[in-house]
Amino acid sequence: MSVWQLPENSEGKKVVVFMKLDRAGRVSDVRVEKSSGDEAFDESALRAVRTAAPFPAVPEVIKHVVGDLWMVLDPTRPAPKNIPGQEI
């Protein structure tokens, strides 16, 4: 969220982004799975994911998050709390 440069008029919008995540924290195949209906908003979300990558390596304790991921990017929702065993 800290690297997401929101376009104007983003209030109330959300986009579902698909990506593949490997154990090293690298992402690939980043794409919009469900559009917000606003191309500029969707593109800003894709840029944010690509800019934030690579993410920290995925600890063994939460290896289930490796692989295909769908993220709902909604600037009005609070950021998730830290996951036990993982520094965010």
PDB file of N, CA and C in Angstrom:
ATOM      1  N   MET A   1       0.819  -1.195   0.000  1.00  0.00           N
ATOM      2  CA  MET A   1       0.000   0.000   0.000  1.00  0.00           C
ATOM      3  C   MET A   1       0.862   1.258   0.000  1.00  0.00           C
ATOM      4  N   SER A   2       2.042   1.191   0.586  1.00  0.00           N
ATOM      5  CA  SER A   2       2.869   2.394   0.682  1.00  0.00           C
ATOM      6  C   SER A   2       3.396   2.861  -0.673  1.00  0.00           C
ATOM      7  N   VAL A   3       3.435   1.986  -1.659  1.00  0.00           N
ATOM      8  CA  VAL A   3       3.928   2.383  -2.984  1.00  0.00           C
ATOM      9  C   VAL A   3       2.790   2.634  -3.975  1.00  0.00           C
ATOM     10  N   TRP A   4       1.563   2.479  -3.528  1.00  0.00           N
ATOM     11  CA  TRP A   4       0.416   2.642  -4.424  1.00  0.00           C
ATOM     12  C   TRP A   4       0.130   4.111  -4.630  1.00  0.00           C
ATOM     13  N   GLN A   5       0.317   4.573  -5.848  1.00  0.00           N
ATOM     14  CA  GLN A   5       0.018   5.956  -6.229  1.00  0.00           C
ATOM     15  C   GLN A   5      -1.410   5.982  -6.768  1.00  0.00           C
ATOM     16  N   LEU A   6      -2.339   6.325  -5.915  1.00  0.00           N
ATOM     17  CA  LEU A   6      -3.747   6.295  -6.302  1.00  0.00           C
ATOM     18  C   LEU A   6      -4.105   7.427  -7.251  1.00  0.00           C
ATOM     19  N   PRO A   7      -4.829   7.110  -8.313  1.00  0.00           N
ATOM     20  CA  PRO A   7      -5.315   8.184  -9.184  1.00  0.00           C
ATOM     21  C   PRO A   7      -6.458   8.934  -8.489  1.00  0.00           C
ATOM     22  N   GLU A   8      -6.815  10.069  -9.044  1.00  0.00           N
ATOM     23  CA  GLU A   8      -7.938  10.827  -8.481  1.00  0.00           C
ATOM     24  C   GLU A   8      -9.215  10.004  -8.594  1.00  0.00           C
ATOM     25  N   ASN A   9     -10.163  10.300  -7.738  1.00  0.00           N
ATOM     26  CA  ASN A   9     -11.477   9.647  -7.751  1.00  0.00           C
ATOM     27  C   ASN A   9     -11.378   8.139  -7.528  1.00  0.00           C
ATOM     28  N   SER A  10     -10.540   7.716  -6.578  1.00  0.00           N
ATOM     29  CA  SER A  10     -10.371   6.295  -6.286  1.00  0.00           C
ATOM     30  C   SER A  10     -11.302   5.793  -5.188  1.00  0.00           C
ATOM     31  N   GLU A  11     -11.990   6.688  -4.538  1.00  0.00           N
ATOM     32  CA  GLU A  11     -12.833   6.315  -3.416  1.00  0.00           C
ATOM     33  C   GLU A  11     -13.914   5.324  -3.841  1.00  0.00           C
ATOM     34  N   GLY A  12     -14.058   4.261  -3.046  1.00  0.00           N
ATOM     35  CA  GLY A  12     -15.102   3.278  -3.293  1.00  0.00           C
ATOM     36  C   GLY A  12     -14.753   2.229  -4.342  1.00  0.00           C
ATOM     37  N   LYS A  13     -13.543   2.293  -4.896  1.00  0.00           N
ATOM     38  CA  LYS A  13     -13.146   1.335  -5.929  1.00  0.00           C
ATOM     39  C   LYS A  13     -12.257   0.257  -5.340  1.00  0.00           C
ATOM     40  N   LYS A  14     -12.328  -0.916  -5.939  1.00  0.00           N
ATOM     41  CA  LYS A  14     -11.418  -2.002  -5.576  1.00  0.00           C
ATOM     42  C   LYS A  14     -11.199  -2.858  -6.815  1.00  0.00           C
ATOM     43  N   VAL A  15     -10.058  -3.504  -6.841  1.00  0.00           N
ATOM     44  CA  VAL A  15      -9.671  -4.342  -7.970  1.00  0.00           C
ATOM     45  C   VAL A  15      -9.112  -5.651  -7.418  1.00  0.00           C
ATOM     46  N   VAL A  16      -9.375  -6.740  -8.119  1.00  0.00           N
ATOM     47  CA  VAL A  16      -8.801  -8.030  -7.739  1.00  0.00           C
ATOM     48  C   VAL A  16      -7.642  -8.305  -8.687  1.00  0.00           C
ATOM     49  N   VAL A  17      -6.468  -8.492  -8.099  1.00  0.00           N
ATOM     50  CA  VAL A  17      -5.242  -8.726  -8.864  1.00  0.00           C
ATOM     51  C   VAL A  17      -4.799 -10.177  -8.660  1.00  0.00           C
ATOM     52  N   PHE A  18      -4.436 -10.838  -9.753  1.00  0.00           N
ATOM     53  CA  PHE A  18      -3.877 -12.182  -9.708  1.00  0.00           C
ATOM     54  C   PHE A  18      -2.373 -12.065  -9.878  1.00  0.00           C
ATOM     55  N   MET A  19      -1.636 -12.918  -9.172  1.00  0.00           N
ATOM     56  CA  MET A  19      -0.189 -12.989  -9.362  1.00  0.00           C
ATOM     57  C   MET A  19       0.306 -14.350  -8.902  1.00  0.00           C
ATOM     58  N   LYS A  20       1.471 -14.710  -9.378  1.00  0.00           N
ATOM     59  CA  LYS A  20       2.151 -15.911  -8.908  1.00  0.00           C
ATOM     60  C   LYS A  20       3.282 -15.446  -7.993  1.00  0.00           C
ATOM     61  N   LEU A  21       3.412 -16.084  -6.850  1.00  0.00           N
ATOM     62  CA  LEU A  21       4.430 -15.744  -5.870  1.00  0.00           C
ATOM     63  C   LEU A  21       5.284 -16.975  -5.623  1.00  0.00           C
ATOM     64  N   ASP A  22       6.612 -16.808  -5.688  1.00  0.00           N
ATOM     65  CA  ASP A  22       7.483 -17.940  -5.376  1.00  0.00           C
ATOM     66  C   ASP A  22       8.056 -17.782  -3.969  1.00  0.00           C
ATOM     67  N   ARG A  23       8.724 -18.823  -3.476  1.00  0.00           N
ATOM     68  CA  ARG A  23       9.241 -18.820  -2.099  1.00  0.00           C
ATOM     69  C   ARG A  23      10.215 -17.685  -1.836  1.00  0.00           C
ATOM     70  N   ALA A  24      10.917 -17.226  -2.880  1.00  0.00           N
ATOM     71  CA  ALA A  24      11.888 -16.143  -2.710  1.00  0.00           C
ATOM     72  C   ALA A  24      11.219 -14.775  -2.642  1.00  0.00           C
ATOM     73  N   GLY A  25       9.913 -14.712  -2.865  1.00  0.00           N
ATOM     74  CA  GLY A  25       9.194 -13.439  -2.822  1.00  0.00           C
ATOM     75  C   GLY A  25       9.042 -12.776  -4.175  1.00  0.00           C
ATOM     76  N   ARG A  26       9.502 -13.457  -5.230  1.00  0.00           N
ATOM     77  CA  ARG A  26       9.358 -12.897  -6.583  1.00  0.00           C
ATOM     78  C   ARG A  26       7.938 -13.116  -7.082  1.00  0.00           C
ATOM     79  N   VAL A  27       7.444 -12.143  -7.846  1.00  0.00           N
ATOM     80  CA  VAL A  27       6.109 -12.264  -8.434  1.00  0.00           C
ATOM     81  C   VAL A  27       6.221 -12.311  -9.947  1.00  0.00           C
ATOM     82  N   SER A  28       5.248 -12.985 -10.548  1.00  0.00           N
ATOM     83  CA  SER A  28       5.158 -13.033 -12.008  1.00  0.00           C
ATOM     84  C   SER A  28       3.686 -13.120 -12.385  1.00  0.00           C
ATOM     85  N   ASP A  29       3.411 -12.964 -13.651  1.00  0.00           N
ATOM     86  CA  ASP A  29       2.062 -13.092 -14.196  1.00  0.00           C
ATOM     87  C   ASP A  29       1.068 -12.191 -13.457  1.00  0.00           C
ATOM     88  N   VAL A  30       1.457 -10.958 -13.185  1.00  0.00           N
ATOM     89  CA  VAL A  30       0.592 -10.008 -12.484  1.00  0.00           C
ATOM     90  C   VAL A  30      -0.433  -9.467 -13.475  1.00  0.00           C
ATOM     91  N   ARG A  31      -1.717  -9.616 -13.107  1.00  0.00           N
ATOM     92  CA  ARG A  31      -2.775  -9.143 -14.012  1.00  0.00           C
ATOM     93  C   ARG A  31      -4.051  -8.853 -13.231  1.00  0.00           C
ATOM     94  N   VAL A  32      -4.926  -8.084 -13.850  1.00  0.00           N
ATOM     95  CA  VAL A  32      -6.230  -7.785 -13.250  1.00  0.00           C
ATOM     96  C   VAL A  32      -7.135  -8.993 -13.454  1.00  0.00           C
ATOM     97  N   GLU A  33      -7.660  -9.503 -12.362  1.00  0.00           N
ATOM     98  CA  GLU A  33      -8.602 -10.625 -12.418  1.00  0.00           C
ATOM     99  C   GLU A  33     -10.037 -10.113 -12.470  1.00  0.00           C
ATOM    100  N   LYS A  34     -10.317  -9.060 -11.691  1.00  0.00           N
ATOM    101  CA  LYS A  34     -11.641  -8.436 -11.698  1.00  0.00           C
ATOM    102  C   LYS A  34     -11.449  -6.932 -11.632  1.00  0.00           C
ATOM    103  N   SER A  35     -11.840  -6.267 -12.684  1.00  0.00           N
ATOM    104  CA  SER A  35     -11.617  -4.831 -12.812  1.00  0.00           C
ATOM    105  C   SER A  35     -12.512  -4.021 -11.877  1.00  0.00           C
ATOM    106  N   SER A  36     -12.003  -2.861 -11.528  1.00  0.00           N
ATOM    107  CA  SER A  36     -12.790  -1.900 -10.757  1.00  0.00           C
ATOM    108  C   SER A  36     -13.755  -1.152 -11.665  1.00  0.00           C
ATOM    109  N   GLY A  37     -13.519  -1.263 -12.968  1.00  0.00           N
ATOM    110  CA  GLY A  37     -14.296  -0.491 -13.932  1.00  0.00           C
ATOM    111  C   GLY A  37     -13.594   0.802 -14.322  1.00  0.00           C
ATOM    112  N   ASP A  38     -12.452   1.053 -13.703  1.00  0.00           N
ATOM    113  CA  ASP A  38     -11.670   2.259 -13.970  1.00  0.00           C
ATOM    114  C   ASP A  38     -10.262   1.822 -14.373  1.00  0.00           C
ATOM    115  N   GLU A  39      -9.945   1.979 -15.646  1.00  0.00           N
ATOM    116  CA  GLU A  39      -8.665   1.497 -16.165  1.00  0.00           C
ATOM    117  C   GLU A  39      -7.468   2.134 -15.454  1.00  0.00           C
ATOM    118  N   ALA A  40      -7.527   3.419 -15.154  1.00  0.00           N
ATOM    119  CA  ALA A  40      -6.418   4.098 -14.476  1.00  0.00           C
ATOM    120  C   ALA A  40      -6.218   3.527 -13.070  1.00  0.00           C
ATOM    121  N   PHE A  41      -7.295   3.252 -12.377  1.00  0.00           N
ATOM    122  CA  PHE A  41      -7.218   2.668 -11.035  1.00  0.00           C
ATOM    123  C   PHE A  41      -6.608   1.271 -11.109  1.00  0.00           C
ATOM    124  N   ASP A  42      -7.094   0.451 -12.042  1.00  0.00           N
ATOM    125  CA  ASP A  42      -6.571  -0.910 -12.203  1.00  0.00           C
ATOM    126  C   ASP A  42      -5.080  -0.892 -12.521  1.00  0.00           C
ATOM    127  N   GLU A  43      -4.669  -0.044 -13.442  1.00  0.00           N
ATOM    128  CA  GLU A  43      -3.252   0.046 -13.817  1.00  0.00           C
ATOM    129  C   GLU A  43      -2.400   0.516 -12.648  1.00  0.00           C
ATOM    130  N   SER A  44      -2.936   1.417 -11.829  1.00  0.00           N
ATOM    131  CA  SER A  44      -2.172   1.890 -10.669  1.00  0.00           C
ATOM    132  C   SER A  44      -1.951   0.743  -9.680  1.00  0.00           C
ATOM    133  N   ALA A  45      -2.924  -0.140  -9.545  1.00  0.00           N
ATOM    134  CA  ALA A  45      -2.786  -1.288  -8.650  1.00  0.00           C
ATOM    135  C   ALA A  45      -1.723  -2.255  -9.173  1.00  0.00           C
ATOM    136  N   LEU A  46      -1.724  -2.519 -10.475  1.00  0.00           N
ATOM    137  CA  LEU A  46      -0.708  -3.396 -11.068  1.00  0.00           C
ATOM    138  C   LEU A  46       0.685  -2.814 -10.886  1.00  0.00           C
ATOM    139  N   ARG A  47       0.827  -1.507 -11.101  1.00  0.00           N
ATOM    140  CA  ARG A  47       2.119  -0.850 -10.907  1.00  0.00           C
ATOM    141  C   ARG A  47       2.577  -0.981  -9.459  1.00  0.00           C
ATOM    142  N   ALA A  48       1.655  -0.840  -8.522  1.00  0.00           N
ATOM    143  CA  ALA A  48       2.000  -0.937  -7.101  1.00  0.00           C
ATOM    144  C   ALA A  48       2.538  -2.324  -6.761  1.00  0.00           C
ATOM    145  N   VAL A  49       1.890  -3.368  -7.253  1.00  0.00           N
ATOM    146  CA  VAL A  49       2.353  -4.734  -6.976  1.00  0.00           C
ATOM    147  C   VAL A  49       3.738  -4.937  -7.587  1.00  0.00           C
ATOM    148  N   ARG A  50       3.917  -4.510  -8.822  1.00  0.00           N
ATOM    149  CA  ARG A  50       5.215  -4.687  -9.483  1.00  0.00           C
ATOM    150  C   ARG A  50       6.314  -3.877  -8.805  1.00  0.00           C
ATOM    151  N   THR A  51       5.977  -2.688  -8.333  1.00  0.00           N
ATOM    152  CA  THR A  51       6.953  -1.838  -7.657  1.00  0.00           C
ATOM    153  C   THR A  51       7.340  -2.416  -6.298  1.00  0.00           C
ATOM    154  N   ALA A  52       6.385  -2.974  -5.591  1.00  0.00           N
ATOM    155  CA  ALA A  52       6.637  -3.534  -4.255  1.00  0.00           C
ATOM    156  C   ALA A  52       7.453  -4.826  -4.316  1.00  0.00           C
ATOM    157  N   ALA A  53       7.403  -5.508  -5.442  1.00  0.00           N
ATOM    158  CA  ALA A  53       8.140  -6.778  -5.593  1.00  0.00           C
ATOM    159  C   ALA A  53       9.627  -6.499  -5.778  1.00  0.00           C
ATOM    160  N   PRO A  54      10.480  -7.403  -5.331  1.00  0.00           N
ATOM    161  CA  PRO A  54      10.128  -8.662  -4.695  1.00  0.00           C
ATOM    162  C   PRO A  54       9.735  -8.444  -3.242  1.00  0.00           C
ATOM    163  N   PHE A  55       8.865  -9.305  -2.769  1.00  0.00           N
ATOM    164  CA  PHE A  55       8.432  -9.297  -1.388  1.00  0.00           C
ATOM    165  C   PHE A  55       9.435 -10.093  -0.564  1.00  0.00           C
ATOM    166  N   PRO A  56       9.356 -10.011   0.754  1.00  0.00           N
ATOM    167  CA  PRO A  56      10.250 -10.838   1.578  1.00  0.00           C
ATOM    168  C   PRO A  56      10.051 -12.321   1.260  1.00  0.00           C
ATOM    169  N   ALA A  57      11.094 -13.102   1.456  1.00  0.00           N
ATOM    170  CA  ALA A  57      10.994 -14.542   1.246  1.00  0.00           C
ATOM    171  C   ALA A  57       9.885 -15.105   2.142  1.00  0.00           C
ATOM    172  N   VAL A  58       9.202 -16.107   1.639  1.00  0.00           N
ATOM    173  CA  VAL A  58       8.082 -16.702   2.367  1.00  0.00           C
ATOM    174  C   VAL A  58       8.610 -17.752   3.344  1.00  0.00           C
ATOM    175  N   PRO A  59       8.387 -17.557   4.647  1.00  0.00           N
ATOM    176  CA  PRO A  59       8.859 -18.533   5.636  1.00  0.00           C
ATOM    177  C   PRO A  59       8.149 -19.876   5.462  1.00  0.00           C
ATOM    178  N   GLU A  60       8.815 -20.929   5.851  1.00  0.00           N
ATOM    179  CA  GLU A  60       8.266 -22.282   5.746  1.00  0.00           C
ATOM    180  C   GLU A  60       6.914 -22.404   6.449  1.00  0.00           C
ATOM    181  N   VAL A  61       6.751 -21.702   7.565  1.00  0.00           N
ATOM    182  CA  VAL A  61       5.530 -21.808   8.365  1.00  0.00           C
ATOM    183  C   VAL A  61       4.286 -21.336   7.598  1.00  0.00           C
ATOM    184  N   ILE A  62       4.454 -20.479   6.601  1.00  0.00           N
ATOM    185  CA  ILE A  62       3.302 -20.025   5.807  1.00  0.00           C
ATOM    186  C   ILE A  62       3.509 -20.312   4.316  1.00  0.00           C
ATOM    187  N   LYS A  63       4.126 -21.428   4.025  1.00  0.00           N
ATOM    188  CA  LYS A  63       4.416 -21.766   2.629  1.00  0.00           C
ATOM    189  C   LYS A  63       3.155 -21.952   1.793  1.00  0.00           C
ATOM    190  N   HIS A  64       1.998 -22.078   2.437  1.00  0.00           N
ATOM    191  CA  HIS A  64       0.746 -22.229   1.695  1.00  0.00           C
ATOM    192  C   HIS A  64       0.386 -20.991   0.880  1.00  0.00           C
ATOM    193  N   VAL A  65       1.037 -19.850   1.139  1.00  0.00           N
ATOM    194  CA  VAL A  65       0.747 -18.649   0.354  1.00  0.00           C
ATOM    195  C   VAL A  65       1.564 -18.581  -0.936  1.00  0.00           C
ATOM    196  N   VAL A  66       2.432 -19.551  -1.170  1.00  0.00           N
ATOM    197  CA  VAL A  66       3.237 -19.580  -2.391  1.00  0.00           C
ATOM    198  C   VAL A  66       2.388 -20.152  -3.519  1.00  0.00           C
ATOM    199  N   GLY A  67       2.532 -19.575  -4.703  1.00  0.00           N
ATOM    200  CA  GLY A  67       1.797 -20.067  -5.870  1.00  0.00           C
ATOM    201  C   GLY A  67       0.856 -18.997  -6.387  1.00  0.00           C
ATOM    202  N   ASP A  68      -0.328 -19.420  -6.804  1.00  0.00           N
ATOM    203  CA  ASP A  68      -1.322 -18.503  -7.354  1.00  0.00           C
ATOM    204  C   ASP A  68      -2.011 -17.742  -6.230  1.00  0.00           C
ATOM    205  N   LEU A  69      -1.990 -16.413  -6.327  1.00  0.00           N
ATOM    206  CA  LEU A  69      -2.620 -15.562  -5.316  1.00  0.00           C
ATOM    207  C   LEU A  69      -3.576 -14.578  -5.972  1.00  0.00           C
ATOM    208  N   TRP A  70      -4.657 -14.302  -5.283  1.00  0.00           N
ATOM    209  CA  TRP A  70      -5.573 -13.248  -5.678  1.00  0.00           C
ATOM    210  C   TRP A  70      -5.615 -12.256  -4.529  1.00  0.00           C
ATOM    211  N   MET A  71      -5.421 -10.999  -4.841  1.00  0.00           N
ATOM    212  CA  MET A  71      -5.450  -9.962  -3.810  1.00  0.00           C
ATOM    213  C   MET A  71      -6.516  -8.940  -4.164  1.00  0.00           C
ATOM    214  N   VAL A  72      -7.315  -8.579  -3.180  1.00  0.00           N
ATOM    215  CA  VAL A  72      -8.269  -7.497  -3.360  1.00  0.00           C
ATOM    216  C   VAL A  72      -7.564  -6.234  -2.910  1.00  0.00           C
ATOM    217  N   LEU A  73      -7.359  -5.322  -3.837  1.00  0.00           N
ATOM    218  CA  LEU A  73      -6.718  -4.051  -3.504  1.00  0.00           C
ATOM    219  C   LEU A  73      -7.808  -2.994  -3.375  1.00  0.00           C
ATOM    220  N   ASP A  74      -7.967  -2.527  -2.164  1.00  0.00           N
ATOM    221  CA  ASP A  74      -9.013  -1.582  -1.813  1.00  0.00           C
ATOM    222  C   ASP A  74      -8.381  -0.528  -0.907  1.00  0.00           C
ATOM    223  N   PRO A  75      -8.185   0.678  -1.410  1.00  0.00           N
ATOM    224  CA  PRO A  75      -7.489   1.694  -0.600  1.00  0.00           C
ATOM    225  C   PRO A  75      -8.261   2.156   0.625  1.00  0.00           C
ATOM    226  N   THR A  76      -9.514   1.779   0.760  1.00  0.00           N
ATOM    227  CA  THR A  76     -10.291   2.215   1.920  1.00  0.00           C
ATOM    228  C   THR A  76     -10.248   1.208   3.056  1.00  0.00           C
ATOM    229  N   ARG A  77      -9.693   0.009   2.813  1.00  0.00           N
ATOM    230  CA  ARG A  77      -9.600  -1.012   3.863  1.00  0.00           C
ATOM    231  C   ARG A  77      -8.297  -0.847   4.622  1.00  0.00           C
ATOM    232  N   PRO A  78      -8.310  -1.075   5.934  1.00  0.00           N
ATOM    233  CA  PRO A  78      -7.061  -0.972   6.694  1.00  0.00           C
ATOM    234  C   PRO A  78      -6.100  -2.088   6.293  1.00  0.00           C
ATOM    235  N   ALA A  79      -4.823  -1.827   6.439  1.00  0.00           N
ATOM    236  CA  ALA A  79      -3.795  -2.826   6.125  1.00  0.00           C
ATOM    237  C   ALA A  79      -3.927  -3.985   7.098  1.00  0.00           C
ATOM    238  N   PRO A  80      -3.625  -5.217   6.628  1.00  0.00           N
ATOM    239  CA  PRO A  80      -3.707  -6.374   7.519  1.00  0.00           C
ATOM    240  C   PRO A  80      -2.639  -6.303   8.605  1.00  0.00           C
ATOM    241  N   LYS A  81      -2.929  -6.923   9.728  1.00  0.00           N
ATOM    242  CA  LYS A  81      -1.945  -6.991  10.814  1.00  0.00           C
ATOM    243  C   LYS A  81      -0.876  -8.013  10.448  1.00  0.00           C
ATOM    244  N   ASN A  82       0.246  -7.935  11.128  1.00  0.00           N
ATOM    245  CA  ASN A  82       1.322  -8.886  10.860  1.00  0.00           C
ATOM    246  C   ASN A  82       0.868 -10.319  11.066  1.00  0.00           C
ATOM    247  N   ILE A  83       1.369 -11.191  10.216  1.00  0.00           N
ATOM    248  CA  ILE A  83       1.080 -12.619  10.310  1.00  0.00           C
ATOM    249  C   ILE A  83       2.130 -13.221  11.233  1.00  0.00           C
ATOM    250  N   PRO A  84       1.735 -14.009  12.223  1.00  0.00           N
ATOM    251  CA  PRO A  84       2.738 -14.615  13.111  1.00  0.00           C
ATOM    252  C   PRO A  84       3.785 -15.394  12.311  1.00  0.00           C
ATOM    253  N   GLY A  85       5.041 -15.183  12.671  1.00  0.00           N
ATOM    254  CA  GLY A  85       6.120 -15.885  11.986  1.00  0.00           C
ATOM    255  C   GLY A  85       6.604 -15.192  10.738  1.00  0.00           C
ATOM    256  N   GLN A  86       6.001 -14.070  10.391  1.00  0.00           N
ATOM    257  CA  GLN A  86       6.421 -13.355   9.174  1.00  0.00           C
ATOM    258  C   GLN A  86       6.520 -11.865   9.490  1.00  0.00           C
ATOM    259  N   GLU A  87       7.626 -11.281   9.061  1.00  0.00           N
ATOM    260  CA  GLU A  87       7.768  -9.837   9.178  1.00  0.00           C
ATOM    261  C   GLU A  87       7.215  -9.213   7.921  1.00  0.00           C
ATOM    262  N   ILE A  88       6.418  -8.187   8.074  1.00  0.00           N
ATOM    263  CA  ILE A  88       5.850  -7.492   6.910  1.00  0.00           C
ATOM    264  C   ILE A  88       6.403  -6.087   6.862  1.00  0.00           C
TER     265      ILE A  88
END
